[in-house]
Amino acid sequence: MSSKDYIKLNGCLGFLLFALMCSGILRCGPAPRNDHKKVPYGGVDTRKFKTISPPFIDVVNKFTTEFDVSSAHLGVGYEFFYKNIVGLCFSYSNGLREIRINPHYEEIITDPARFEQLMYHELGHCLLNLEHNDDHEDEKPESIMRSWLFSTDEISEYYIPHRDEYINELNFATPRSP
């Protein structure tokens, strides 16, 4: 293969890779996501957060009122993660629950609607025992329980105008066994 052929091949591959990235088939990195972790209980409360830290109290109280659930065994706080995870729900086998939110994502934490969507997602895991739901209708996500957070555009286009639908969907979602 001549050097001209090699350059043409690399140019074509580069263009193809660029086109795939632009189309969303490939991404430069995964989008910020949420996860749920099951943790065995060894007899000692190993939660990092045993209470609800002040920045989270209002949204947790709003959630527990809307869904008529208790947050008595829940701890919530900030923790930096080394991955692209924004929030984690830990379910301990003794019934204790913990939510850890990554403060690195300040643009999410400081936007009230995005913060609520993030917290309702994690509270859906921890207090309602819900799993991820990545279903969508056309472009509209069917649930705030999908594996990744709503973007800023999705918050304004879907979450804010359809908040009642998303809350209703959480009320009727099928929980996993605790």
Protein backbone atom coordinates (compact mmCIF):
# COMPACT_ATOMS: atom_id res chain seq x y z
CA MET A 1 0.00 0.00 0.00
CA SER A 2 1.43 3.36 -0.99
CA SER A 3 1.58 6.28 1.41
CA LYS A 4 -1.14 8.06 -0.62
CA ASP A 5 -3.45 5.05 -0.26
CA TYR A 6 -2.70 4.93 3.48
CA ILE A 7 -3.54 8.64 3.88
CA LYS A 8 -6.78 8.18 1.90
CA LEU A 9 -7.75 5.18 4.04
CA ASN A 10 -7.02 7.04 7.29
CA GLY A 11 -8.89 10.09 5.98
CA CYS A 12 -11.94 7.94 5.17
CA LEU A 13 -11.80 6.18 8.53
CA GLY A 14 -11.43 9.50 10.31
CA PHE A 15 -14.43 10.93 8.48
CA LEU A 16 -16.48 7.81 9.21
CA LEU A 17 -15.59 8.00 12.91
CA PHE A 18 -16.45 11.71 12.97
CA ALA A 19 -19.83 11.02 11.28
CA LEU A 20 -20.65 8.25 13.76
CA MET A 21 -19.78 10.50 16.70
CA CYS A 22 -21.94 13.31 15.35
CA SER A 23 -24.86 10.94 14.79
CA GLY A 24 -24.76 9.84 18.43
CA ILE A 25 -23.97 6.20 17.64
CA LEU A 26 -20.59 6.64 19.31
CA ARG A 27 -19.90 9.12 22.04
CA CYS A 28 -16.69 10.58 23.38
CA GLY A 29 -17.64 9.24 26.78
CA PRO A 30 -20.70 7.93 28.49
CA ALA A 31 -23.29 10.42 29.70
CA PRO A 32 -23.51 11.03 33.44
CA ARG A 33 -25.56 8.20 34.86
CA ASN A 34 -27.16 6.94 38.01
CA ASP A 35 -26.68 3.53 39.54
CA HIS A 36 -28.15 1.33 42.21
CA LYS A 37 -25.92 -0.87 44.36
CA LYS A 38 -27.04 -3.78 46.53
CA VAL A 39 -24.77 -4.05 49.56
CA PRO A 40 -24.73 -6.93 52.05
CA TYR A 41 -25.14 -6.01 55.69
CA GLY A 42 -22.45 -7.27 58.06
CA GLY A 43 -24.06 -6.25 61.35
CA VAL A 44 -22.50 -2.76 61.44
CA ASP A 45 -24.05 0.33 59.90
CA THR A 46 -21.38 1.15 57.31
CA ARG A 47 -23.30 3.95 55.62
CA LYS A 48 -21.25 7.06 55.05
CA PHE A 49 -24.37 9.20 55.55
CA LYS A 50 -26.70 8.13 58.36
CA THR A 51 -28.90 11.24 58.14
CA ILE A 52 -30.16 13.50 55.36
CA SER A 53 -27.70 16.35 54.78
CA PRO A 54 -29.25 19.87 54.69
CA PRO A 55 -29.09 20.49 50.90
CA PHE A 56 -31.31 17.40 50.38
CA ILE A 57 -33.92 17.77 53.14
CA ASP A 58 -36.50 19.77 51.15
CA VAL A 59 -36.51 17.51 48.08
CA VAL A 60 -36.63 14.34 50.22
CA ASN A 61 -39.55 15.75 52.24
CA LYS A 62 -41.36 16.69 49.01
CA PHE A 63 -40.83 13.17 47.65
CA THR A 64 -41.95 11.38 50.81
CA THR A 65 -45.11 13.53 50.88
CA GLU A 66 -45.90 12.94 47.19
CA PHE A 67 -45.39 9.17 47.46
CA ASP A 68 -46.44 8.61 51.08
CA VAL A 69 -43.23 6.79 52.02
CA SER A 70 -40.87 7.06 54.98
CA SER A 71 -37.26 8.20 54.82
CA ALA A 72 -36.52 7.00 58.37
CA HIS A 73 -33.79 4.57 57.25
CA LEU A 74 -32.27 6.85 54.61
CA GLY A 75 -29.02 8.78 54.61
CA VAL A 76 -28.14 11.31 51.86
CA GLY A 77 -24.97 13.30 51.20
CA TYR A 78 -22.30 14.41 48.75
CA GLU A 79 -19.41 12.20 47.69
CA PHE A 80 -16.96 12.58 44.81
CA PHE A 81 -16.86 9.57 42.48
CA TYR A 82 -13.98 8.73 40.18
CA LYS A 83 -16.36 7.68 37.39
CA ASN A 84 -18.99 9.58 35.45
CA ILE A 85 -21.68 8.69 38.01
CA VAL A 86 -23.85 11.51 39.31
CA GLY A 87 -25.79 9.59 41.94
CA LEU A 88 -25.84 6.23 43.66
CA CYS A 89 -28.43 4.48 45.80
CA PHE A 90 -27.08 1.88 48.20
CA SER A 91 -29.57 -0.69 49.53
CA TYR A 92 -28.27 -2.61 52.50
CA SER A 93 -29.67 -6.04 53.26
CA ASN A 94 -30.91 -4.86 56.67
CA GLY A 95 -33.23 -2.28 55.06
CA LEU A 96 -30.98 0.75 55.49
CA ARG A 97 -30.64 2.95 52.40
CA GLU A 98 -28.19 5.62 51.35
CA ILE A 99 -27.95 8.07 48.46
CA ARG A 100 -24.63 9.60 47.48
CA ILE A 101 -24.58 12.52 45.03
CA ASN A 102 -21.42 13.55 43.17
CA PRO A 103 -20.85 17.32 43.74
CA HIS A 104 -18.62 17.40 40.64
CA TYR A 105 -21.77 17.90 38.52
CA GLU A 106 -22.50 21.40 39.78
CA GLU A 107 -24.56 22.27 36.67
CA ILE A 108 -27.05 19.58 37.70
CA ILE A 109 -27.04 20.29 41.42
CA THR A 110 -27.62 24.05 40.97
CA ASP A 111 -30.52 23.64 38.47
CA PRO A 112 -33.67 23.03 40.57
CA ALA A 113 -35.49 20.92 37.95
CA ARG A 114 -32.44 18.79 37.10
CA PHE A 115 -31.66 18.38 40.82
CA GLU A 116 -35.23 17.25 41.49
CA GLN A 117 -35.12 14.78 38.56
CA LEU A 118 -31.81 13.37 39.86
CA MET A 119 -33.05 13.07 43.44
CA TYR A 120 -36.43 11.60 42.43
CA HIS A 121 -34.55 9.04 40.35
CA GLU A 122 -32.34 8.02 43.30
CA LEU A 123 -35.27 8.13 45.73
CA GLY A 124 -37.18 5.94 43.27
CA HIS A 125 -34.43 3.34 43.68
CA CYS A 126 -34.01 3.72 47.45
CA LEU A 127 -37.57 4.27 48.68
CA LEU A 128 -39.79 2.80 45.94
CA ASN A 129 -37.46 -0.09 44.96
CA LEU A 130 -37.67 0.83 41.27
CA GLU A 131 -35.26 -0.31 38.57
CA HIS A 132 -34.14 1.56 35.47
CA ASN A 133 -36.64 2.09 32.67
CA ASP A 134 -35.09 3.21 29.38
CA ASP A 135 -38.35 3.09 27.40
CA HIS A 136 -39.28 6.14 25.37
CA GLU A 137 -42.11 7.31 23.16
CA ASP A 138 -40.65 8.90 20.04
CA GLU A 139 -37.90 11.02 21.63
CA LYS A 140 -39.66 11.54 24.99
CA PRO A 141 -38.34 9.40 27.87
CA GLU A 142 -41.18 7.48 29.55
CA SER A 143 -39.63 7.61 33.00
CA ILE A 144 -37.23 9.54 35.17
CA MET A 145 -35.94 6.08 36.11
CA ARG A 146 -33.97 5.76 32.89
CA SER A 147 -30.27 4.91 33.19
CA TRP A 148 -29.00 8.41 32.49
CA LEU A 149 -30.10 11.90 33.47
CA PHE A 150 -32.23 14.19 31.39
CA SER A 151 -30.19 16.76 29.50
CA THR A 152 -30.91 20.47 29.97
CA ASP A 153 -33.00 20.41 26.78
CA GLU A 154 -34.93 17.32 27.91
CA ILE A 155 -35.66 18.96 31.25
CA SER A 156 -37.26 21.98 29.56
CA GLU A 157 -38.90 20.02 26.73
CA TYR A 158 -40.17 16.98 28.65
CA TYR A 159 -39.68 17.01 32.42
CA ILE A 160 -41.02 20.44 33.35
CA PRO A 161 -44.12 20.42 31.10
CA HIS A 162 -44.88 16.74 31.82
CA ARG A 163 -43.80 16.52 35.47
CA ASP A 164 -47.21 15.27 36.62
CA GLU A 165 -47.01 12.40 34.09
CA TYR A 166 -43.55 11.41 35.36
CA ILE A 167 -44.72 11.49 38.98
CA ASN A 168 -47.77 9.41 38.05
CA GLU A 169 -45.53 6.93 36.22
CA LEU A 170 -43.45 6.48 39.41
CA ASN A 171 -46.64 5.84 41.38
CA PHE A 172 -47.61 2.99 39.07
CA ALA A 173 -44.17 1.58 38.24
CA THR A 174 -43.56 -2.02 39.23
CA PRO A 175 -41.07 -2.20 42.10
CA ARG A 176 -38.43 -4.87 42.31
CA SER A 177 -38.35 -7.00 45.41
CA PRO A 178 -36.40 -5.20 48.16
